[in-house]
All heavy atoms as atom14 arrays in JSON, in Angstrom:
{
  "sequence": "VSCAPVLGAVISIIRNGGGHVAFVMGEDATRYYCLGGNQSNTVSI",
  "atom14_mask": [
    [1, 1, 1, 1, 1, 1, 1, 0, 0, 0, 0, 0, 0, 0],
    [1, 1, 1, 1, 1, 1, 0, 0, 0, 0, 0, 0, 0, 0],
    [1, 1, 1, 1, 1, 1, 0, 0, 0, 0, 0, 0, 0, 0],
    [1, 1, 1, 1, 1, 0, 0, 0, 0, 0, 0, 0, 0, 0],
    [1, 1, 1, 1, 1, 1, 1, 0, 0, 0, 0, 0, 0, 0],
    [1, 1, 1, 1, 1, 1, 1, 0, 0, 0, 0, 0, 0, 0],
    [1, 1, 1, 1, 1, 1, 1, 1, 0, 0, 0, 0, 0, 0],
    [1, 1, 1, 1, 0, 0, 0, 0, 0, 0, 0, 0, 0, 0],
    [1, 1, 1, 1, 1, 0, 0, 0, 0, 0, 0, 0, 0, 0],
    [1, 1, 1, 1, 1, 1, 1, 0, 0, 0, 0, 0, 0, 0],
    [1, 1, 1, 1, 1, 1, 1, 1, 0, 0, 0, 0, 0, 0],
    [1, 1, 1, 1, 1, 1, 0, 0, 0, 0, 0, 0, 0, 0],
    [1, 1, 1, 1, 1, 1, 1, 1, 0, 0, 0, 0, 0, 0],
    [1, 1, 1, 1, 1, 1, 1, 1, 0, 0, 0, 0, 0, 0],
    [1, 1, 1, 1, 1, 1, 1, 1, 1, 1, 1, 0, 0, 0],
    [1, 1, 1, 1, 1, 1, 1, 1, 0, 0, 0, 0, 0, 0],
    [1, 1, 1, 1, 0, 0, 0, 0, 0, 0, 0, 0, 0, 0],
    [1, 1, 1, 1, 0, 0, 0, 0, 0, 0, 0, 0, 0, 0],
    [1, 1, 1, 1, 0, 0, 0, 0, 0, 0, 0, 0, 0, 0],
    [1, 1, 1, 1, 1, 1, 1, 1, 1, 1, 0, 0, 0, 0],
    [1, 1, 1, 1, 1, 1, 1, 0, 0, 0, 0, 0, 0, 0],
    [1, 1, 1, 1, 1, 0, 0, 0, 0, 0, 0, 0, 0, 0],
    [1, 1, 1, 1, 1, 1, 1, 1, 1, 1, 1, 0, 0, 0],
    [1, 1, 1, 1, 1, 1, 1, 0, 0, 0, 0, 0, 0, 0],
    [1, 1, 1, 1, 1, 1, 1, 1, 0, 0, 0, 0, 0, 0],
    [1, 1, 1, 1, 0, 0, 0, 0, 0, 0, 0, 0, 0, 0],
    [1, 1, 1, 1, 1, 1, 1, 1, 1, 0, 0, 0, 0, 0],
    [1, 1, 1, 1, 1, 1, 1, 1, 0, 0, 0, 0, 0, 0],
    [1, 1, 1, 1, 1, 0, 0, 0, 0, 0, 0, 0, 0, 0],
    [1, 1, 1, 1, 1, 1, 1, 0, 0, 0, 0, 0, 0, 0],
    [1, 1, 1, 1, 1, 1, 1, 1, 1, 1, 1, 0, 0, 0],
    [1, 1, 1, 1, 1, 1, 1, 1, 1, 1, 1, 1, 0, 0],
    [1, 1, 1, 1, 1, 1, 1, 1, 1, 1, 1, 1, 0, 0],
    [1, 1, 1, 1, 1, 1, 0, 0, 0, 0, 0, 0, 0, 0],
    [1, 1, 1, 1, 1, 1, 1, 1, 0, 0, 0, 0, 0, 0],
    [1, 1, 1, 1, 0, 0, 0, 0, 0, 0, 0, 0, 0, 0],
    [1, 1, 1, 1, 0, 0, 0, 0, 0, 0, 0, 0, 0, 0],
    [1, 1, 1, 1, 1, 1, 1, 1, 0, 0, 0, 0, 0, 0],
    [1, 1, 1, 1, 1, 1, 1, 1, 1, 0, 0, 0, 0, 0],
    [1, 1, 1, 1, 1, 1, 0, 0, 0, 0, 0, 0, 0, 0],
    [1, 1, 1, 1, 1, 1, 1, 1, 0, 0, 0, 0, 0, 0],
    [1, 1, 1, 1, 1, 1, 1, 0, 0, 0, 0, 0, 0, 0],
    [1, 1, 1, 1, 1, 1, 1, 0, 0, 0, 0, 0, 0, 0],
    [1, 1, 1, 1, 1, 1, 0, 0, 0, 0, 0, 0, 0, 0],
    [1, 1, 1, 1, 1, 1, 1, 1, 0, 0, 0, 0, 0, 0]
  ],
  "atom14_positions": [
    [[34.87, 24.1, 19.17], [34.23, 23.48, 18.01], [34.14, 21.98, 18.23], [34.93, 21.39, 18.96], [35.01, 23.78, 16.72], [35.02, 25.27, 16.43], [36.44, 23.24, 16.79], [0.0, 0.0, 0.0], [0.0, 0.0, 0.0], [0.0, 0.0, 0.0], [0.0, 0.0, 0.0], [0.0, 0.0, 0.0], [0.0, 0.0, 0.0], [0.0, 0.0, 0.0]],
    [[33.18, 21.36, 17.55], [33.04, 19.91, 17.62], [34.24, 19.25, 16.94], [34.81, 19.79, 15.98], [31.75, 19.48, 16.93], [31.6, 18.08, 16.95], [0.0, 0.0, 0.0], [0.0, 0.0, 0.0], [0.0, 0.0, 0.0], [0.0, 0.0, 0.0], [0.0, 0.0, 0.0], [0.0, 0.0, 0.0], [0.0, 0.0, 0.0], [0.0, 0.0, 0.0]],
    [[34.62, 18.09, 17.44], [35.76, 17.39, 16.84], [35.61, 15.89, 17.02], [34.76, 15.42, 17.79], [37.08, 17.86, 17.47], [37.27, 17.42, 19.22], [0.0, 0.0, 0.0], [0.0, 0.0, 0.0], [0.0, 0.0, 0.0], [0.0, 0.0, 0.0], [0.0, 0.0, 0.0], [0.0, 0.0, 0.0], [0.0, 0.0, 0.0], [0.0, 0.0, 0.0]],
    [[36.45, 15.15, 16.32], [36.57, 13.72, 16.56], [37.38, 13.5, 17.83], [37.99, 14.44, 18.36], [37.25, 13.07, 15.36], [0.0, 0.0, 0.0], [0.0, 0.0, 0.0], [0.0, 0.0, 0.0], [0.0, 0.0, 0.0], [0.0, 0.0, 0.0], [0.0, 0.0, 0.0], [0.0, 0.0, 0.0], [0.0, 0.0, 0.0], [0.0, 0.0, 0.0]],
    [[37.44, 12.28, 18.35], [38.29, 12.01, 19.51], [39.78, 12.18, 19.14], [40.34, 11.39, 18.39], [37.97, 10.55, 19.86], [36.62, 10.3, 19.27], [36.59, 11.11, 18.01], [0.0, 0.0, 0.0], [0.0, 0.0, 0.0], [0.0, 0.0, 0.0], [0.0, 0.0, 0.0], [0.0, 0.0, 0.0], [0.0, 0.0, 0.0], [0.0, 0.0, 0.0]],
    [[40.4, 13.24, 19.64], [41.81, 13.53, 19.38], [42.48, 13.88, 20.7], [41.84, 14.35, 21.64], [42.0, 14.68, 18.37], [41.55, 14.26, 16.98], [41.27, 15.93, 18.82], [0.0, 0.0, 0.0], [0.0, 0.0, 0.0], [0.0, 0.0, 0.0], [0.0, 0.0, 0.0], [0.0, 0.0, 0.0], [0.0, 0.0, 0.0], [0.0, 0.0, 0.0]],
    [[43.78, 13.67, 20.76], [44.54, 13.92, 21.97], [44.38, 15.37, 22.42], [44.68, 16.3, 21.67], [46.01, 13.62, 21.72], [46.99, 13.92, 22.87], [46.67, 13.07, 24.1], [48.42, 13.68, 22.42], [0.0, 0.0, 0.0], [0.0, 0.0, 0.0], [0.0, 0.0, 0.0], [0.0, 0.0, 0.0], [0.0, 0.0, 0.0], [0.0, 0.0, 0.0]],
    [[43.9, 15.55, 23.66], [43.74, 16.88, 24.23], [42.36, 17.46, 24.12], [42.09, 18.54, 24.67], [0.0, 0.0, 0.0], [0.0, 0.0, 0.0], [0.0, 0.0, 0.0], [0.0, 0.0, 0.0], [0.0, 0.0, 0.0], [0.0, 0.0, 0.0], [0.0, 0.0, 0.0], [0.0, 0.0, 0.0], [0.0, 0.0, 0.0], [0.0, 0.0, 0.0]],
    [[41.45, 16.78, 23.4], [40.09, 17.3, 23.27], [39.4, 17.34, 24.64], [39.63, 16.49, 25.5], [39.28, 16.43, 22.31], [0.0, 0.0, 0.0], [0.0, 0.0, 0.0], [0.0, 0.0, 0.0], [0.0, 0.0, 0.0], [0.0, 0.0, 0.0], [0.0, 0.0, 0.0], [0.0, 0.0, 0.0], [0.0, 0.0, 0.0], [0.0, 0.0, 0.0]],
    [[38.56, 18.34, 24.82], [37.7, 18.4, 26.0], [36.58, 17.41, 25.81], [35.92, 17.38, 24.76], [37.13, 19.82, 26.19], [36.13, 19.85, 27.35], [38.25, 20.82, 26.44], [0.0, 0.0, 0.0], [0.0, 0.0, 0.0], [0.0, 0.0, 0.0], [0.0, 0.0, 0.0], [0.0, 0.0, 0.0], [0.0, 0.0, 0.0], [0.0, 0.0, 0.0]],
    [[36.36, 16.56, 26.82], [35.26, 15.6, 26.74], [34.26, 15.85, 27.86], [34.61, 16.37, 28.91], [35.78, 14.14, 26.82], [36.41, 13.82, 28.19], [36.75, 13.86, 25.69], [35.46, 13.28, 29.24], [0.0, 0.0, 0.0], [0.0, 0.0, 0.0], [0.0, 0.0, 0.0], [0.0, 0.0, 0.0], [0.0, 0.0, 0.0], [0.0, 0.0, 0.0]],
    [[33.03, 15.51, 27.6], [32.01, 15.57, 28.65], [31.09, 14.37, 28.52], [30.79, 13.91, 27.42], [31.2, 16.87, 28.56], [30.54, 16.97, 27.3], [0.0, 0.0, 0.0], [0.0, 0.0, 0.0], [0.0, 0.0, 0.0], [0.0, 0.0, 0.0], [0.0, 0.0, 0.0], [0.0, 0.0, 0.0], [0.0, 0.0, 0.0], [0.0, 0.0, 0.0]],
    [[30.67, 13.85, 29.67], [29.73, 12.74, 29.72], [28.65, 13.06, 30.74], [28.84, 13.9, 31.63], [30.42, 11.41, 30.1], [31.08, 11.52, 31.47], [31.41, 10.99, 29.03], [31.58, 10.2, 32.02], [0.0, 0.0, 0.0], [0.0, 0.0, 0.0], [0.0, 0.0, 0.0], [0.0, 0.0, 0.0], [0.0, 0.0, 0.0], [0.0, 0.0, 0.0]],
    [[27.52, 12.41, 30.57], [26.42, 12.58, 31.51], [26.54, 11.55, 32.63], [26.9, 10.4, 32.4], [25.06, 12.42, 30.79], [24.89, 13.53, 29.74], [23.9, 12.44, 31.78], [23.68, 13.33, 28.85], [0.0, 0.0, 0.0], [0.0, 0.0, 0.0], [0.0, 0.0, 0.0], [0.0, 0.0, 0.0], [0.0, 0.0, 0.0], [0.0, 0.0, 0.0]],
    [[26.29, 11.98, 33.85], [26.23, 11.08, 35.0], [25.0, 11.44, 35.82], [24.38, 12.49, 35.6], [27.48, 11.2, 35.87], [27.67, 12.56, 36.53], [28.8, 12.57, 37.54], [29.01, 13.88, 38.14], [28.34, 14.36, 39.17], [27.37, 13.64, 39.74], [28.6, 15.56, 39.65], [0.0, 0.0, 0.0], [0.0, 0.0, 0.0], [0.0, 0.0, 0.0]],
    [[24.64, 10.59, 36.76], [23.51, 10.89, 37.62], [23.75, 12.2, 38.36], [24.76, 12.36, 39.03], [23.29, 9.76, 38.64], [22.76, 8.5, 38.0], [22.18, 8.55, 36.91], [22.96, 7.36, 38.63], [0.0, 0.0, 0.0], [0.0, 0.0, 0.0], [0.0, 0.0, 0.0], [0.0, 0.0, 0.0], [0.0, 0.0, 0.0], [0.0, 0.0, 0.0]],
    [[22.83, 13.13, 38.21], [22.95, 14.41, 38.92], [23.71, 15.47, 38.16], [23.89, 16.58, 38.66], [0.0, 0.0, 0.0], [0.0, 0.0, 0.0], [0.0, 0.0, 0.0], [0.0, 0.0, 0.0], [0.0, 0.0, 0.0], [0.0, 0.0, 0.0], [0.0, 0.0, 0.0], [0.0, 0.0, 0.0], [0.0, 0.0, 0.0], [0.0, 0.0, 0.0]],
    [[24.19, 15.17, 36.94], [24.92, 16.18, 36.2], [25.82, 15.57, 35.14], [25.38, 14.76, 34.33], [0.0, 0.0, 0.0], [0.0, 0.0, 0.0], [0.0, 0.0, 0.0], [0.0, 0.0, 0.0], [0.0, 0.0, 0.0], [0.0, 0.0, 0.0], [0.0, 0.0, 0.0], [0.0, 0.0, 0.0], [0.0, 0.0, 0.0], [0.0, 0.0, 0.0]],
    [[27.1, 15.95, 35.15], [28.02, 15.46, 34.14], [29.44, 15.45, 34.66], [29.71, 15.75, 35.82], [0.0, 0.0, 0.0], [0.0, 0.0, 0.0], [0.0, 0.0, 0.0], [0.0, 0.0, 0.0], [0.0, 0.0, 0.0], [0.0, 0.0, 0.0], [0.0, 0.0, 0.0], [0.0, 0.0, 0.0], [0.0, 0.0, 0.0], [0.0, 0.0, 0.0]],
    [[30.35, 15.11, 33.77], [31.78, 15.13, 34.09], [32.51, 15.64, 32.86], [32.15, 15.31, 31.72], [32.28, 13.74, 34.44], [33.75, 13.68, 34.76], [34.27, 14.28, 35.88], [34.8, 13.12, 34.1], [35.58, 14.09, 35.92], [35.93, 13.39, 34.85], [0.0, 0.0, 0.0], [0.0, 0.0, 0.0], [0.0, 0.0, 0.0], [0.0, 0.0, 0.0]],
    [[33.56, 16.46, 33.09], [34.35, 17.02, 32.0], [35.82, 16.77, 32.27], [36.27, 16.8, 33.42], [34.05, 18.53, 31.81], [34.42, 19.34, 33.04], [34.73, 19.08, 30.57], [0.0, 0.0, 0.0], [0.0, 0.0, 0.0], [0.0, 0.0, 0.0], [0.0, 0.0, 0.0], [0.0, 0.0, 0.0], [0.0, 0.0, 0.0], [0.0, 0.0, 0.0]],
    [[36.58, 16.5, 31.21], [38.0, 16.19, 31.34], [38.64, 16.35, 29.97], [38.05, 16.95, 29.05], [38.19, 14.76, 31.87], [0.0, 0.0, 0.0], [0.0, 0.0, 0.0], [0.0, 0.0, 0.0], [0.0, 0.0, 0.0], [0.0, 0.0, 0.0], [0.0, 0.0, 0.0], [0.0, 0.0, 0.0], [0.0, 0.0, 0.0], [0.0, 0.0, 0.0]],
    [[39.87, 15.85, 29.81], [40.58, 15.87, 28.53], [40.89, 14.42, 28.13], [41.33, 13.64, 28.95], [41.9, 16.63, 28.65], [41.77, 18.06, 29.09], [42.19, 18.43, 30.36], [41.24, 19.02, 28.25], [42.09, 19.75, 30.78], [41.13, 20.34, 28.66], [41.56, 20.71, 29.93], [0.0, 0.0, 0.0], [0.0, 0.0, 0.0], [0.0, 0.0, 0.0]],
    [[40.69, 14.1, 26.85], [40.99, 12.74, 26.41], [42.47, 12.61, 26.07], [43.07, 13.49, 25.44], [40.09, 12.33, 25.22], [40.38, 13.15, 23.97], [40.24, 10.83, 24.93], [0.0, 0.0, 0.0], [0.0, 0.0, 0.0], [0.0, 0.0, 0.0], [0.0, 0.0, 0.0], [0.0, 0.0, 0.0], [0.0, 0.0, 0.0], [0.0, 0.0, 0.0]],
    [[43.07, 11.5, 26.54], [44.5, 11.27, 26.38], [44.82, 10.07, 25.49], [45.92, 9.96, 24.96], [45.14, 11.03, 27.75], [45.06, 12.21, 28.69], [46.09, 13.58, 28.17], [47.73, 12.89, 28.45], [0.0, 0.0, 0.0], [0.0, 0.0, 0.0], [0.0, 0.0, 0.0], [0.0, 0.0, 0.0], [0.0, 0.0, 0.0], [0.0, 0.0, 0.0]],
    [[43.87, 9.14, 25.36], [44.13, 7.94, 24.57], [42.94, 7.01, 24.64], [41.87, 7.37, 25.17], [0.0, 0.0, 0.0], [0.0, 0.0, 0.0], [0.0, 0.0, 0.0], [0.0, 0.0, 0.0], [0.0, 0.0, 0.0], [0.0, 0.0, 0.0], [0.0, 0.0, 0.0], [0.0, 0.0, 0.0], [0.0, 0.0, 0.0], [0.0, 0.0, 0.0]],
    [[43.11, 5.8, 24.14], [42.0, 4.86, 24.12], [42.54, 3.43, 24.09], [43.7, 3.17, 23.76], [41.13, 5.1, 22.89], [41.84, 4.8, 21.57], [40.96, 4.98, 20.35], [39.73, 4.97, 20.49], [41.52, 5.13, 19.24], [0.0, 0.0, 0.0], [0.0, 0.0, 0.0], [0.0, 0.0, 0.0], [0.0, 0.0, 0.0], [0.0, 0.0, 0.0]],
    [[41.66, 2.49, 24.46], [41.84, 1.09, 24.13], [40.58, 0.66, 23.39], [39.82, 1.5, 22.91], [42.18, 0.23, 25.36], [41.1, 0.24, 26.44], [39.91, 0.47, 26.11], [41.44, -0.01, 27.61], [0.0, 0.0, 0.0], [0.0, 0.0, 0.0], [0.0, 0.0, 0.0], [0.0, 0.0, 0.0], [0.0, 0.0, 0.0], [0.0, 0.0, 0.0]],
    [[40.32, -0.61, 23.3], [39.2, -1.07, 22.48], [37.85, -0.59, 23.0], [36.93, -0.33, 22.21], [39.21, -2.59, 22.39], [0.0, 0.0, 0.0], [0.0, 0.0, 0.0], [0.0, 0.0, 0.0], [0.0, 0.0, 0.0], [0.0, 0.0, 0.0], [0.0, 0.0, 0.0], [0.0, 0.0, 0.0], [0.0, 0.0, 0.0], [0.0, 0.0, 0.0]],
    [[37.71, -0.45, 24.31], [36.4, -0.16, 24.88], [36.36, 1.09, 25.75], [35.29, 1.46, 26.22], [35.92, -1.34, 25.75], [36.85, -1.55, 26.84], [35.82, -2.61, 24.91], [0.0, 0.0, 0.0], [0.0, 0.0, 0.0], [0.0, 0.0, 0.0], [0.0, 0.0, 0.0], [0.0, 0.0, 0.0], [0.0, 0.0, 0.0], [0.0, 0.0, 0.0]],
    [[37.5, 1.77, 25.95], [37.53, 2.88, 26.89], [38.37, 4.04, 26.35], [39.33, 3.83, 25.61], [38.11, 2.43, 28.24], [37.4, 1.21, 28.81], [37.95, 0.78, 30.15], [39.35, 0.37, 30.09], [40.03, -0.11, 31.13], [39.43, -0.23, 32.29], [41.29, -0.47, 30.99], [0.0, 0.0, 0.0], [0.0, 0.0, 0.0], [0.0, 0.0, 0.0]],
    [[37.99, 5.26, 26.76], [38.84, 6.42, 26.56], [39.54, 6.72, 27.89], [38.94, 6.59, 28.96], [38.01, 7.64, 26.15], [37.42, 7.55, 24.76], [36.04, 7.51, 24.57], [38.24, 7.52, 23.64], [35.5, 7.44, 23.29], [37.71, 7.43, 22.36], [36.34, 7.4, 22.19], [35.81, 7.32, 20.93], [0.0, 0.0, 0.0], [0.0, 0.0, 0.0]],
    [[40.82, 7.12, 27.79], [41.59, 7.49, 28.97], [41.58, 9.0, 29.09], [41.97, 9.72, 28.17], [43.02, 6.97, 28.84], [43.11, 5.47, 28.93], [42.7, 4.66, 27.88], [43.61, 4.86, 30.07], [42.77, 3.28, 27.97], [43.69, 3.47, 30.17], [43.27, 2.69, 29.11], [43.34, 1.32, 29.2], [0.0, 0.0, 0.0], [0.0, 0.0, 0.0]],
    [[41.13, 9.49, 30.24], [40.86, 10.91, 30.39], [41.62, 11.52, 31.56], [41.6, 10.97, 32.68], [39.36, 11.14, 30.58], [38.38, 10.55, 29.16], [0.0, 0.0, 0.0], [0.0, 0.0, 0.0], [0.0, 0.0, 0.0], [0.0, 0.0, 0.0], [0.0, 0.0, 0.0], [0.0, 0.0, 0.0], [0.0, 0.0, 0.0], [0.0, 0.0, 0.0]],
    [[42.28, 12.64, 31.3], [42.95, 13.42, 32.34], [41.94, 14.41, 32.89], [41.41, 15.25, 32.15], [44.14, 14.17, 31.74], [44.79, 15.24, 32.63], [45.45, 14.62, 33.85], [45.79, 16.06, 31.82], [0.0, 0.0, 0.0], [0.0, 0.0, 0.0], [0.0, 0.0, 0.0], [0.0, 0.0, 0.0], [0.0, 0.0, 0.0], [0.0, 0.0, 0.0]],
    [[41.66, 14.3, 34.18], [40.67, 15.2, 34.75], [40.78, 15.32, 36.25], [41.53, 14.59, 36.91], [0.0, 0.0, 0.0], [0.0, 0.0, 0.0], [0.0, 0.0, 0.0], [0.0, 0.0, 0.0], [0.0, 0.0, 0.0], [0.0, 0.0, 0.0], [0.0, 0.0, 0.0], [0.0, 0.0, 0.0], [0.0, 0.0, 0.0], [0.0, 0.0, 0.0]],
    [[40.04, 16.26, 36.77], [39.93, 16.45, 38.21], [38.68, 15.8, 38.74], [37.75, 15.49, 37.99], [0.0, 0.0, 0.0], [0.0, 0.0, 0.0], [0.0, 0.0, 0.0], [0.0, 0.0, 0.0], [0.0, 0.0, 0.0], [0.0, 0.0, 0.0], [0.0, 0.0, 0.0], [0.0, 0.0, 0.0], [0.0, 0.0, 0.0], [0.0, 0.0, 0.0]],
    [[38.65, 15.58, 40.04], [37.51, 14.97, 40.71], [37.22, 13.58, 40.17], [36.07, 13.15, 40.1], [36.26, 15.86, 40.58], [35.29, 15.67, 41.74], [35.69, 15.26, 42.83], [34.03, 15.98, 41.53], [0.0, 0.0, 0.0], [0.0, 0.0, 0.0], [0.0, 0.0, 0.0], [0.0, 0.0, 0.0], [0.0, 0.0, 0.0], [0.0, 0.0, 0.0]],
    [[38.27, 12.87, 39.78], [38.16, 11.46, 39.4], [38.65, 10.65, 40.59], [39.85, 10.59, 40.86], [38.97, 11.2, 38.13], [38.43, 12.01, 36.96], [39.15, 11.8, 35.63], [38.58, 12.09, 34.58], [40.37, 11.32, 35.66], [0.0, 0.0, 0.0], [0.0, 0.0, 0.0], [0.0, 0.0, 0.0], [0.0, 0.0, 0.0], [0.0, 0.0, 0.0]],
    [[37.7, 10.07, 41.33], [38.01, 9.46, 42.63], [38.73, 10.46, 43.53], [39.7, 10.13, 44.22], [38.82, 8.18, 42.47], [38.06, 7.18, 41.83], [0.0, 0.0, 0.0], [0.0, 0.0, 0.0], [0.0, 0.0, 0.0], [0.0, 0.0, 0.0], [0.0, 0.0, 0.0], [0.0, 0.0, 0.0], [0.0, 0.0, 0.0], [0.0, 0.0, 0.0]],
    [[38.3, 11.72, 43.47], [38.77, 12.82, 44.33], [40.18, 13.3, 44.01], [40.78, 14.02, 44.81], [38.69, 12.42, 45.81], [37.29, 12.02, 46.24], [36.32, 12.57, 45.74], [37.19, 11.06, 47.13], [0.0, 0.0, 0.0], [0.0, 0.0, 0.0], [0.0, 0.0, 0.0], [0.0, 0.0, 0.0], [0.0, 0.0, 0.0], [0.0, 0.0, 0.0]],
    [[40.74, 12.89, 42.87], [42.1, 13.28, 42.53], [42.16, 13.82, 41.1], [41.21, 13.7, 40.32], [43.07, 12.08, 42.62], [42.73, 11.13, 41.59], [43.01, 11.41, 43.98], [0.0, 0.0, 0.0], [0.0, 0.0, 0.0], [0.0, 0.0, 0.0], [0.0, 0.0, 0.0], [0.0, 0.0, 0.0], [0.0, 0.0, 0.0], [0.0, 0.0, 0.0]],
    [[43.33, 14.41, 40.76], [43.69, 14.62, 39.37], [44.33, 13.33, 38.88], [45.32, 12.86, 39.45], [44.69, 15.79, 39.22], [45.09, 15.95, 37.75], [44.1, 17.09, 39.76], [0.0, 0.0, 0.0], [0.0, 0.0, 0.0], [0.0, 0.0, 0.0], [0.0, 0.0, 0.0], [0.0, 0.0, 0.0], [0.0, 0.0, 0.0], [0.0, 0.0, 0.0]],
    [[43.77, 12.74, 37.85], [44.26, 11.43, 37.4], [43.98, 11.26, 35.91], [43.24, 12.03, 35.3], [43.58, 10.3, 38.18], [42.19, 10.23, 37.85], [0.0, 0.0, 0.0], [0.0, 0.0, 0.0], [0.0, 0.0, 0.0], [0.0, 0.0, 0.0], [0.0, 0.0, 0.0], [0.0, 0.0, 0.0], [0.0, 0.0, 0.0], [0.0, 0.0, 0.0]],
    [[44.62, 10.23, 35.35], [44.24, 9.74, 34.03], [43.47, 8.45, 34.26], [44.03, 7.47, 34.75], [45.46, 9.5, 33.13], [46.21, 10.8, 32.87], [45.03, 8.87, 31.8], [47.49, 10.64, 32.07], [0.0, 0.0, 0.0], [0.0, 0.0, 0.0], [0.0, 0.0, 0.0], [0.0, 0.0, 0.0], [0.0, 0.0, 0.0], [0.0, 0.0, 0.0]]
  ]
}
């Protein structure tokens, strides 16, 4: 279901050639911190 930005939500964004999916872990003023795979070839936040 659709939700607001909450800890653990599945997130997706559009990128050139497709998209990216991960889990949101937190935020600062301008960025969301996301736990995901294939982020600079690693599992990272």
